[in-house]
């Protein structure tokens, strides 16, 4: 476990482990409101995960935060992975918006304990555009891997997953209290 100071959350560094990651824009500003910035951030996340040998399973990007589900290769690379994503995206977000610095506030990681916990977090991630009133139909939100999941596993299996792992509705991710 690693903790830099009082304002930095503790991080676990585990190899070959599922991670649920949440990152937030400083002061909850909606700096990612432009679609092009969400697209650039996703490309950077994908490229960074590949660079560090991590698997990016699922993702959702909203106007002031994002959630990722992936699997570590080398857990100790987590700070470098997130540092790369936030330093590079901070630059292009700042250039595009002219916002005050810093761009990013922090990131939080959580390692699901088992398959059930993983699917609860996955459903939570997918449900975020509904939770924050971006859309009324998850298929319509472009900045999420949900449409890919729906296409891959089909409507029946997806509905069953949301019913079977319904605890996502009561899940409190305090970092996501936007």
N, C-alpha and C. Protein backbone atom coordinates (compact mmCIF):
# COMPACT_ATOMS: atom_id res chain seq x y z
N UNK A 1 0.85 -1.17 0.00
CA UNK A 1 0.00 0.00 0.00
C UNK A 1 0.90 1.23 0.00
N UNK A 2 0.42 2.30 -0.62
CA UNK A 2 1.21 3.50 -0.78
C UNK A 2 0.34 4.72 -0.51
N UNK A 3 0.85 5.64 0.30
CA UNK A 3 0.14 6.88 0.60
C UNK A 3 1.17 7.99 0.72
N UNK A 4 1.09 8.98 -0.17
CA UNK A 4 2.06 10.08 -0.17
C UNK A 4 1.84 11.07 0.95
N UNK A 5 0.60 11.52 1.13
CA UNK A 5 0.30 12.49 2.18
C UNK A 5 -1.16 12.37 2.59
N UNK A 6 -1.59 13.22 3.49
CA UNK A 6 -2.95 13.15 4.01
C UNK A 6 -4.03 13.28 2.96
N UNK A 7 -3.76 14.02 1.88
CA UNK A 7 -4.78 14.28 0.86
C UNK A 7 -4.73 13.30 -0.31
N UNK A 8 -3.84 12.35 -0.25
CA UNK A 8 -3.70 11.36 -1.31
C UNK A 8 -4.28 10.04 -0.81
N UNK A 9 -5.19 9.45 -1.57
CA UNK A 9 -5.72 8.16 -1.12
C UNK A 9 -4.63 7.09 -1.16
N UNK A 10 -4.75 6.11 -0.30
CA UNK A 10 -3.82 4.97 -0.32
C UNK A 10 -4.10 4.14 -1.57
N UNK A 11 -3.05 3.60 -2.15
CA UNK A 11 -3.19 2.80 -3.37
C UNK A 11 -2.59 1.42 -3.15
N UNK A 12 -3.25 0.41 -3.68
CA UNK A 12 -2.74 -0.95 -3.66
C UNK A 12 -1.99 -1.21 -4.95
N UNK A 13 -0.89 -1.93 -4.85
CA UNK A 13 -0.10 -2.28 -6.04
C UNK A 13 -0.06 -3.80 -6.15
N UNK A 14 -1.00 -4.36 -6.89
CA UNK A 14 -1.11 -5.80 -7.02
C UNK A 14 -0.96 -6.21 -8.49
N UNK A 15 -0.17 -7.21 -8.75
CA UNK A 15 0.02 -7.71 -10.11
C UNK A 15 -1.16 -8.60 -10.52
N UNK A 16 -1.46 -8.58 -11.81
CA UNK A 16 -2.50 -9.44 -12.39
C UNK A 16 -3.79 -9.41 -11.58
N UNK A 17 -4.24 -8.20 -11.32
CA UNK A 17 -5.42 -7.99 -10.48
C UNK A 17 -6.38 -7.03 -11.16
N UNK A 18 -7.67 -7.26 -10.98
CA UNK A 18 -8.67 -6.33 -11.50
C UNK A 18 -8.63 -5.04 -10.68
N UNK A 19 -8.76 -3.92 -11.39
CA UNK A 19 -8.80 -2.60 -10.76
C UNK A 19 -10.01 -1.83 -11.27
N UNK A 20 -10.71 -1.18 -10.35
CA UNK A 20 -11.76 -0.22 -10.67
C UNK A 20 -11.16 1.14 -10.32
N UNK A 21 -11.00 1.99 -11.33
CA UNK A 21 -10.35 3.28 -11.15
C UNK A 21 -11.34 4.41 -11.39
N UNK A 22 -11.28 5.41 -10.54
CA UNK A 22 -12.10 6.61 -10.68
C UNK A 22 -11.16 7.80 -10.63
N UNK A 23 -11.33 8.73 -11.55
CA UNK A 23 -10.53 9.96 -11.53
C UNK A 23 -11.47 11.15 -11.69
N UNK A 24 -11.13 12.23 -10.98
CA UNK A 24 -12.00 13.39 -10.95
C UNK A 24 -11.26 14.66 -11.34
N UNK A 25 -11.97 15.52 -12.06
CA UNK A 25 -11.46 16.85 -12.39
C UNK A 25 -11.48 17.71 -11.12
N UNK A 26 -10.46 18.52 -10.97
CA UNK A 26 -10.35 19.41 -9.82
C UNK A 26 -11.56 20.34 -9.73
N UNK A 27 -12.12 20.46 -8.54
CA UNK A 27 -13.29 21.28 -8.24
C UNK A 27 -14.53 20.87 -9.04
N UNK A 28 -14.55 19.65 -9.51
CA UNK A 28 -15.71 19.08 -10.22
C UNK A 28 -16.12 19.89 -11.46
N UNK A 29 -15.17 20.63 -12.01
CA UNK A 29 -15.48 21.42 -13.21
C UNK A 29 -15.77 20.50 -14.38
N UNK A 30 -16.63 20.92 -15.26
CA UNK A 30 -17.02 20.12 -16.42
C UNK A 30 -16.10 20.41 -17.60
N UNK A 31 -14.83 20.11 -17.42
CA UNK A 31 -13.81 20.41 -18.43
C UNK A 31 -13.82 19.45 -19.60
N UNK A 32 -14.48 18.31 -19.44
CA UNK A 32 -14.55 17.32 -20.52
C UNK A 32 -15.88 17.39 -21.27
N UNK A 33 -16.55 18.52 -21.23
CA UNK A 33 -17.85 18.66 -21.88
C UNK A 33 -17.76 18.54 -23.40
N UNK A 34 -16.63 18.90 -23.98
CA UNK A 34 -16.45 18.80 -25.43
C UNK A 34 -16.18 17.34 -25.81
N UNK A 35 -16.94 16.83 -26.79
CA UNK A 35 -16.76 15.45 -27.24
C UNK A 35 -15.33 15.16 -27.66
N UNK A 36 -14.70 16.11 -28.32
CA UNK A 36 -13.33 15.89 -28.80
C UNK A 36 -12.38 15.63 -27.63
N UNK A 37 -12.60 16.26 -26.50
CA UNK A 37 -11.73 16.04 -25.34
C UNK A 37 -11.95 14.64 -24.75
N UNK A 38 -13.20 14.20 -24.73
CA UNK A 38 -13.47 12.83 -24.29
C UNK A 38 -12.80 11.83 -25.22
N UNK A 39 -12.87 12.09 -26.53
CA UNK A 39 -12.23 11.20 -27.51
C UNK A 39 -10.72 11.16 -27.32
N UNK A 40 -10.10 12.33 -27.11
CA UNK A 40 -8.66 12.38 -26.89
C UNK A 40 -8.28 11.67 -25.60
N UNK A 41 -9.08 11.86 -24.55
CA UNK A 41 -8.79 11.20 -23.28
C UNK A 41 -8.87 9.69 -23.44
N UNK A 42 -9.90 9.20 -24.10
CA UNK A 42 -10.03 7.75 -24.30
C UNK A 42 -8.84 7.20 -25.08
N UNK A 43 -8.44 7.88 -26.15
CA UNK A 43 -7.29 7.41 -26.93
C UNK A 43 -6.04 7.35 -26.05
N UNK A 44 -5.85 8.35 -25.22
CA UNK A 44 -4.70 8.38 -24.31
C UNK A 44 -4.78 7.26 -23.28
N UNK A 45 -5.95 7.03 -22.74
CA UNK A 45 -6.13 5.94 -21.77
C UNK A 45 -5.79 4.60 -22.43
N UNK A 46 -6.35 4.35 -23.61
CA UNK A 46 -6.08 3.09 -24.31
C UNK A 46 -4.59 2.92 -24.60
N UNK A 47 -3.96 3.99 -25.09
CA UNK A 47 -2.54 3.92 -25.42
C UNK A 47 -1.70 3.71 -24.16
N UNK A 48 -2.06 4.36 -23.07
CA UNK A 48 -1.31 4.24 -21.82
C UNK A 48 -1.46 2.85 -21.21
N UNK A 49 -2.66 2.31 -21.23
CA UNK A 49 -2.86 0.95 -20.73
C UNK A 49 -2.01 -0.03 -21.54
N UNK A 50 -2.01 0.12 -22.85
CA UNK A 50 -1.21 -0.77 -23.70
C UNK A 50 0.28 -0.60 -23.39
N UNK A 51 0.73 0.62 -23.22
CA UNK A 51 2.15 0.90 -22.94
C UNK A 51 2.63 0.19 -21.67
N UNK A 52 1.77 0.15 -20.67
CA UNK A 52 2.14 -0.48 -19.41
C UNK A 52 1.72 -1.94 -19.31
N UNK A 53 1.15 -2.48 -20.39
CA UNK A 53 0.77 -3.88 -20.40
C UNK A 53 -0.46 -4.20 -19.57
N UNK A 54 -1.26 -3.18 -19.29
CA UNK A 54 -2.50 -3.39 -18.57
C UNK A 54 -3.63 -3.63 -19.57
N UNK A 55 -4.65 -4.37 -19.18
CA UNK A 55 -5.84 -4.57 -20.01
C UNK A 55 -6.92 -3.58 -19.59
N UNK A 56 -7.48 -2.88 -20.56
CA UNK A 56 -8.61 -1.99 -20.31
C UNK A 56 -9.86 -2.75 -20.69
N UNK A 57 -10.65 -3.13 -19.69
CA UNK A 57 -11.86 -3.92 -19.94
C UNK A 57 -13.04 -3.03 -20.28
N UNK A 58 -13.33 -2.07 -19.39
CA UNK A 58 -14.51 -1.22 -19.55
C UNK A 58 -14.16 0.21 -19.16
N UNK A 59 -14.95 1.15 -19.64
CA UNK A 59 -14.68 2.56 -19.36
C UNK A 59 -15.93 3.39 -19.58
N UNK A 60 -15.97 4.53 -18.90
CA UNK A 60 -16.98 5.56 -19.13
C UNK A 60 -16.31 6.89 -18.83
N UNK A 61 -16.53 7.86 -19.70
CA UNK A 61 -15.98 9.20 -19.50
C UNK A 61 -17.15 10.18 -19.48
N UNK A 62 -17.23 10.95 -18.39
CA UNK A 62 -18.26 11.96 -18.24
C UNK A 62 -17.60 13.33 -18.26
N UNK A 63 -18.36 14.37 -18.03
CA UNK A 63 -17.82 15.73 -18.18
C UNK A 63 -16.82 16.13 -17.10
N UNK A 64 -16.88 15.48 -15.94
CA UNK A 64 -15.95 15.88 -14.87
C UNK A 64 -15.28 14.70 -14.15
N UNK A 65 -15.45 13.51 -14.65
CA UNK A 65 -14.78 12.34 -14.08
C UNK A 65 -14.89 11.17 -15.04
N UNK A 66 -14.14 10.12 -14.70
CA UNK A 66 -14.25 8.89 -15.48
C UNK A 66 -14.05 7.69 -14.55
N UNK A 67 -14.52 6.53 -15.05
CA UNK A 67 -14.32 5.25 -14.37
C UNK A 67 -13.73 4.28 -15.38
N UNK A 68 -12.82 3.45 -14.90
CA UNK A 68 -12.21 2.42 -15.73
C UNK A 68 -12.23 1.11 -14.96
N UNK A 69 -12.37 0.02 -15.70
CA UNK A 69 -12.19 -1.32 -15.14
C UNK A 69 -11.12 -1.98 -16.00
N UNK A 70 -10.10 -2.46 -15.35
CA UNK A 70 -9.03 -3.10 -16.10
C UNK A 70 -8.30 -4.10 -15.24
N UNK A 71 -7.24 -4.63 -15.80
CA UNK A 71 -6.43 -5.62 -15.09
C UNK A 71 -4.98 -5.20 -15.18
N UNK A 72 -4.33 -5.22 -14.01
CA UNK A 72 -2.93 -4.83 -13.94
C UNK A 72 -2.04 -5.91 -14.53
N UNK A 73 -0.93 -5.47 -15.02
CA UNK A 73 0.17 -6.37 -15.35
C UNK A 73 1.10 -6.32 -14.15
N UNK A 74 1.69 -5.17 -13.96
CA UNK A 74 2.56 -4.91 -12.81
C UNK A 74 1.89 -3.81 -11.98
N UNK A 75 1.38 -4.16 -10.82
CA UNK A 75 0.63 -3.22 -9.99
C UNK A 75 1.41 -1.98 -9.61
N UNK A 76 2.71 -2.11 -9.46
CA UNK A 76 3.55 -0.97 -9.08
C UNK A 76 3.57 0.11 -10.15
N UNK A 77 3.10 -0.21 -11.36
CA UNK A 77 3.03 0.77 -12.44
C UNK A 77 1.81 1.69 -12.35
N UNK A 78 0.91 1.43 -11.41
CA UNK A 78 -0.30 2.24 -11.30
C UNK A 78 -0.02 3.74 -11.23
N UNK A 79 0.88 4.22 -10.37
CA UNK A 79 1.12 5.67 -10.32
C UNK A 79 1.69 6.22 -11.63
N UNK A 80 2.53 5.43 -12.29
CA UNK A 80 3.09 5.89 -13.58
C UNK A 80 2.01 5.93 -14.66
N UNK A 81 1.14 4.91 -14.67
CA UNK A 81 0.04 4.86 -15.63
C UNK A 81 -0.88 6.06 -15.46
N UNK A 82 -1.33 6.29 -14.24
CA UNK A 82 -2.26 7.39 -13.99
C UNK A 82 -1.57 8.74 -14.14
N UNK A 83 -0.31 8.82 -13.74
CA UNK A 83 0.44 10.06 -13.91
C UNK A 83 0.57 10.44 -15.37
N UNK A 84 0.84 9.45 -16.21
CA UNK A 84 0.95 9.70 -17.66
C UNK A 84 -0.38 10.18 -18.22
N UNK A 85 -1.46 9.49 -17.86
CA UNK A 85 -2.78 9.88 -18.37
C UNK A 85 -3.11 11.30 -17.92
N UNK A 86 -2.89 11.61 -16.67
CA UNK A 86 -3.30 12.92 -16.15
C UNK A 86 -2.37 14.05 -16.57
N UNK A 87 -1.09 13.79 -16.68
CA UNK A 87 -0.20 14.89 -17.12
C UNK A 87 -0.44 15.22 -18.59
N UNK A 88 -0.55 14.22 -19.42
CA UNK A 88 -0.76 14.48 -20.86
C UNK A 88 -2.16 15.02 -21.14
N UNK A 89 -3.17 14.46 -20.51
CA UNK A 89 -4.52 14.97 -20.75
C UNK A 89 -4.69 16.35 -20.12
N UNK A 90 -4.04 16.57 -18.98
CA UNK A 90 -4.10 17.89 -18.36
C UNK A 90 -3.62 18.97 -19.31
N UNK A 91 -2.59 18.66 -20.07
CA UNK A 91 -2.05 19.62 -21.04
C UNK A 91 -3.07 19.93 -22.12
N UNK A 92 -3.63 18.90 -22.76
CA UNK A 92 -4.55 19.20 -23.87
C UNK A 92 -5.89 19.75 -23.38
N UNK A 93 -6.31 19.37 -22.18
CA UNK A 93 -7.54 19.94 -21.63
C UNK A 93 -7.33 21.42 -21.31
N UNK A 94 -6.21 21.73 -20.70
CA UNK A 94 -5.89 23.13 -20.38
C UNK A 94 -5.80 23.98 -21.65
N UNK A 95 -5.13 23.46 -22.67
CA UNK A 95 -5.00 24.20 -23.93
C UNK A 95 -6.36 24.43 -24.59
N UNK A 96 -7.24 23.43 -24.54
CA UNK A 96 -8.54 23.53 -25.20
C UNK A 96 -9.53 24.42 -24.44
N UNK A 97 -9.42 24.43 -23.12
CA UNK A 97 -10.43 25.14 -22.32
C UNK A 97 -9.92 26.43 -21.69
N UNK A 98 -8.62 26.58 -21.58
CA UNK A 98 -8.06 27.74 -20.91
C UNK A 98 -8.33 27.74 -19.41
N UNK A 99 -8.62 26.58 -18.86
CA UNK A 99 -8.97 26.45 -17.45
C UNK A 99 -7.78 26.76 -16.54
N UNK A 100 -8.10 27.09 -15.31
CA UNK A 100 -7.07 27.24 -14.29
C UNK A 100 -6.51 25.86 -13.95
N UNK A 101 -5.25 25.83 -13.58
CA UNK A 101 -4.62 24.58 -13.18
C UNK A 101 -4.76 24.41 -11.67
N UNK A 102 -4.81 23.21 -11.16
CA UNK A 102 -4.65 21.94 -11.85
C UNK A 102 -5.93 21.50 -12.55
N UNK A 103 -5.76 20.57 -13.49
CA UNK A 103 -6.91 19.99 -14.18
C UNK A 103 -7.50 18.85 -13.36
N UNK A 104 -6.65 17.92 -12.94
CA UNK A 104 -7.12 16.72 -12.23
C UNK A 104 -6.98 16.90 -10.73
N UNK A 105 -7.93 16.34 -10.00
CA UNK A 105 -7.89 16.37 -8.55
C UNK A 105 -7.13 15.15 -8.04
N UNK A 106 -7.59 13.97 -8.37
CA UNK A 106 -7.00 12.77 -7.82
C UNK A 106 -7.56 11.56 -8.56
N UNK A 107 -7.06 10.40 -8.17
CA UNK A 107 -7.67 9.15 -8.64
C UNK A 107 -7.75 8.19 -7.46
N UNK A 108 -8.72 7.30 -7.54
CA UNK A 108 -8.95 6.31 -6.51
C UNK A 108 -8.97 4.94 -7.18
N UNK A 109 -8.43 3.96 -6.50
CA UNK A 109 -8.46 2.60 -7.04
C UNK A 109 -9.10 1.67 -6.03
N UNK A 110 -9.72 0.66 -6.58
CA UNK A 110 -10.37 -0.36 -5.77
C UNK A 110 -10.18 -1.68 -6.50
N UNK A 111 -9.80 -2.71 -5.78
CA UNK A 111 -9.63 -4.03 -6.38
C UNK A 111 -10.82 -4.90 -6.00
N UNK A 112 -11.67 -5.21 -6.97
CA UNK A 112 -12.83 -6.08 -6.67
C UNK A 112 -12.36 -7.39 -6.03
N UNK A 113 -13.08 -7.82 -5.02
CA UNK A 113 -12.69 -9.00 -4.24
C UNK A 113 -12.93 -10.31 -4.98
N UNK A 114 -13.94 -10.33 -5.82
CA UNK A 114 -14.30 -11.56 -6.52
C UNK A 114 -15.10 -11.20 -7.78
N UNK A 115 -15.55 -12.21 -8.48
CA UNK A 115 -16.29 -11.98 -9.73
C UNK A 115 -17.57 -11.18 -9.49
N UNK A 116 -18.28 -11.50 -8.42
CA UNK A 116 -19.51 -10.79 -8.10
C UNK A 116 -19.24 -9.30 -7.90
N UNK A 117 -18.23 -8.99 -7.10
CA UNK A 117 -17.85 -7.60 -6.83
C UNK A 117 -17.44 -6.89 -8.13
N UNK A 118 -16.76 -7.62 -9.01
CA UNK A 118 -16.34 -7.06 -10.30
C UNK A 118 -17.56 -6.63 -11.11
N UNK A 119 -18.56 -7.52 -11.19
CA UNK A 119 -19.74 -7.21 -12.00
C UNK A 119 -20.61 -6.10 -11.39
N UNK A 120 -20.63 -6.00 -10.08
CA UNK A 120 -21.33 -4.88 -9.44
C UNK A 120 -20.66 -3.57 -9.87
N UNK A 121 -19.33 -3.53 -9.82
CA UNK A 121 -18.59 -2.32 -10.23
C UNK A 121 -18.78 -2.06 -11.72
N UNK A 122 -18.79 -3.11 -12.52
CA UNK A 122 -18.99 -2.93 -13.96
C UNK A 122 -20.37 -2.32 -14.23
N UNK A 123 -21.39 -2.82 -13.59
CA UNK A 123 -22.73 -2.27 -13.75
C UNK A 123 -22.78 -0.82 -13.28
N UNK A 124 -22.10 -0.53 -12.17
CA UNK A 124 -22.05 0.85 -11.66
C UNK A 124 -21.42 1.76 -12.72
N UNK A 125 -20.31 1.34 -13.27
CA UNK A 125 -19.62 2.11 -14.32
C UNK A 125 -20.57 2.36 -15.49
N UNK A 126 -21.20 1.31 -15.97
CA UNK A 126 -22.10 1.45 -17.13
C UNK A 126 -23.29 2.35 -16.82
N UNK A 127 -23.78 2.31 -15.59
CA UNK A 127 -24.97 3.07 -15.22
C UNK A 127 -24.69 4.57 -15.02
N UNK A 128 -23.42 4.97 -14.95
CA UNK A 128 -23.08 6.36 -14.66
C UNK A 128 -23.74 7.39 -15.57
N UNK A 129 -23.81 7.19 -16.87
CA UNK A 129 -24.49 8.20 -17.71
C UNK A 129 -25.97 8.37 -17.36
N UNK A 130 -26.62 7.31 -16.90
CA UNK A 130 -28.01 7.43 -16.43
C UNK A 130 -28.04 8.14 -15.08
N UNK A 131 -27.18 7.73 -14.19
CA UNK A 131 -27.12 8.31 -12.84
C UNK A 131 -26.95 9.82 -12.89
N UNK A 132 -26.13 10.30 -13.82
CA UNK A 132 -25.84 11.72 -13.91
C UNK A 132 -26.69 12.42 -14.98
N UNK A 133 -27.72 11.74 -15.47
CA UNK A 133 -28.71 12.30 -16.41
C UNK A 133 -28.13 12.76 -17.74
N UNK A 134 -27.12 12.06 -18.23
CA UNK A 134 -26.59 12.36 -19.56
C UNK A 134 -27.50 11.80 -20.64
N UNK A 135 -28.08 10.63 -20.37
CA UNK A 135 -28.97 9.96 -21.32
C UNK A 135 -30.07 9.23 -20.55
N UNK A 136 -31.07 8.79 -21.29
CA UNK A 136 -32.10 7.94 -20.69
C UNK A 136 -31.99 6.51 -21.22
N UNK A 137 -31.08 6.29 -22.16
CA UNK A 137 -30.84 4.97 -22.75
C UNK A 137 -29.32 4.78 -22.86
N UNK A 138 -28.79 3.82 -22.13
CA UNK A 138 -27.34 3.61 -22.11
C UNK A 138 -26.72 3.38 -23.49
N UNK A 139 -27.49 2.81 -24.40
CA UNK A 139 -26.98 2.57 -25.75
C UNK A 139 -26.63 3.87 -26.46
N UNK A 140 -27.22 4.95 -26.02
CA UNK A 140 -27.05 6.24 -26.70
C UNK A 140 -25.83 7.02 -26.21
N UNK A 141 -25.18 6.55 -25.15
CA UNK A 141 -24.04 7.30 -24.64
C UNK A 141 -22.76 6.81 -25.33
N UNK A 142 -22.16 7.69 -26.10
CA UNK A 142 -21.00 7.34 -26.93
C UNK A 142 -19.71 7.12 -26.16
N UNK A 143 -19.61 7.67 -24.97
CA UNK A 143 -18.33 7.67 -24.28
C UNK A 143 -18.29 6.63 -23.16
N UNK A 144 -18.72 5.43 -23.55
CA UNK A 144 -18.76 4.30 -22.65
C UNK A 144 -18.56 3.03 -23.46
N UNK A 145 -18.02 2.02 -22.83
CA UNK A 145 -17.86 0.73 -23.51
C UNK A 145 -19.14 -0.10 -23.45
N UNK A 146 -20.21 0.44 -22.86
CA UNK A 146 -21.47 -0.30 -22.77
C UNK A 146 -21.99 -0.77 -24.13
N UNK A 147 -22.05 0.08 -25.16
CA UNK A 147 -22.56 -0.41 -26.44
C UNK A 147 -21.79 -1.62 -26.97
N UNK A 148 -20.48 -1.64 -26.73
CA UNK A 148 -19.66 -2.79 -27.16
C UNK A 148 -20.06 -4.03 -26.40
N UNK A 149 -20.27 -3.90 -25.08
CA UNK A 149 -20.69 -5.04 -24.26
C UNK A 149 -22.04 -5.56 -24.73
N UNK A 150 -22.97 -4.66 -24.97
CA UNK A 150 -24.31 -5.04 -25.42
C UNK A 150 -24.23 -5.80 -26.74
N UNK A 151 -23.42 -5.32 -27.65
CA UNK A 151 -23.27 -5.99 -28.94
C UNK A 151 -22.61 -7.36 -28.79
N UNK A 152 -21.63 -7.45 -27.90
CA UNK A 152 -20.89 -8.70 -27.70
C UNK A 152 -21.71 -9.77 -27.01
N UNK A 153 -22.39 -9.41 -25.93
CA UNK A 153 -23.09 -10.45 -25.17
C UNK A 153 -24.59 -10.48 -25.40
N UNK A 154 -25.13 -9.48 -26.08
CA UNK A 154 -26.55 -9.49 -26.39
C UNK A 154 -27.41 -8.91 -25.29
N UNK A 155 -28.63 -8.57 -25.68
CA UNK A 155 -29.57 -7.89 -24.78
C UNK A 155 -29.97 -8.75 -23.59
N UNK A 156 -30.32 -10.03 -23.84
CA UNK A 156 -30.77 -10.91 -22.77
C UNK A 156 -29.72 -11.09 -21.68
N UNK A 157 -28.49 -11.35 -22.10
CA UNK A 157 -27.40 -11.56 -21.14
C UNK A 157 -27.11 -10.28 -20.38
N UNK A 158 -27.16 -9.14 -21.06
CA UNK A 158 -26.90 -7.85 -20.41
C UNK A 158 -27.98 -7.55 -19.38
N UNK A 159 -29.23 -7.77 -19.73
CA UNK A 159 -30.33 -7.56 -18.78
C UNK A 159 -30.15 -8.47 -17.57
N UNK A 160 -29.81 -9.72 -17.82
CA UNK A 160 -29.60 -10.67 -16.72
C UNK A 160 -28.45 -10.19 -15.82
N UNK A 161 -27.38 -9.66 -16.41
CA UNK A 161 -26.25 -9.16 -15.62
C UNK A 161 -26.68 -8.02 -14.70
N UNK A 162 -27.47 -7.08 -15.23
CA UNK A 162 -27.92 -5.95 -14.41
C UNK A 162 -28.87 -6.41 -13.30
N UNK A 163 -29.65 -7.45 -13.55
CA UNK A 163 -30.55 -7.98 -12.52
C UNK A 163 -29.78 -8.78 -11.47
N UNK A 164 -28.85 -9.61 -11.95
CA UNK A 164 -28.11 -10.49 -11.04
C UNK A 164 -27.15 -9.71 -10.13
N UNK A 165 -26.61 -8.62 -10.63
CA UNK A 165 -25.65 -7.82 -9.86
C UNK A 165 -26.23 -6.42 -9.61
N UNK A 166 -27.44 -6.41 -9.07
CA UNK A 166 -28.20 -5.17 -8.90
C UNK A 166 -27.70 -4.29 -7.76
N UNK A 167 -26.74 -4.76 -6.99
CA UNK A 167 -26.21 -3.95 -5.89
C UNK A 167 -25.57 -2.65 -6.37
N UNK A 168 -25.27 -2.57 -7.67
CA UNK A 168 -24.70 -1.34 -8.21
C UNK A 168 -25.60 -0.13 -7.92
N UNK A 169 -26.89 -0.36 -7.82
CA UNK A 169 -27.84 0.74 -7.60
C UNK A 169 -27.65 1.38 -6.22
N UNK A 170 -27.19 0.60 -5.26
CA UNK A 170 -27.00 1.12 -3.91
C UNK A 170 -25.52 1.38 -3.60
N UNK A 171 -24.66 1.07 -4.54
CA UNK A 171 -23.23 1.24 -4.32
C UNK A 171 -22.90 2.72 -4.14
N UNK A 172 -22.14 3.01 -3.11
CA UNK A 172 -21.72 4.39 -2.86
C UNK A 172 -20.22 4.47 -3.14
N UNK A 173 -19.89 5.19 -4.18
CA UNK A 173 -18.50 5.47 -4.50
C UNK A 173 -18.33 6.94 -4.19
N UNK A 174 -17.86 7.24 -3.00
CA UNK A 174 -17.83 8.63 -2.52
C UNK A 174 -17.06 9.55 -3.46
N UNK A 175 -16.03 9.03 -4.11
CA UNK A 175 -15.26 9.85 -5.03
C UNK A 175 -16.09 10.29 -6.22
N UNK A 176 -17.19 9.59 -6.46
CA UNK A 176 -18.05 9.86 -7.61
C UNK A 176 -19.29 10.66 -7.20
N UNK A 177 -19.25 11.31 -6.08
CA UNK A 177 -20.40 12.08 -5.61
C UNK A 177 -20.40 13.44 -6.29
N UNK A 178 -20.73 13.42 -7.57
CA UNK A 178 -20.69 14.65 -8.36
C UNK A 178 -22.09 15.13 -8.58
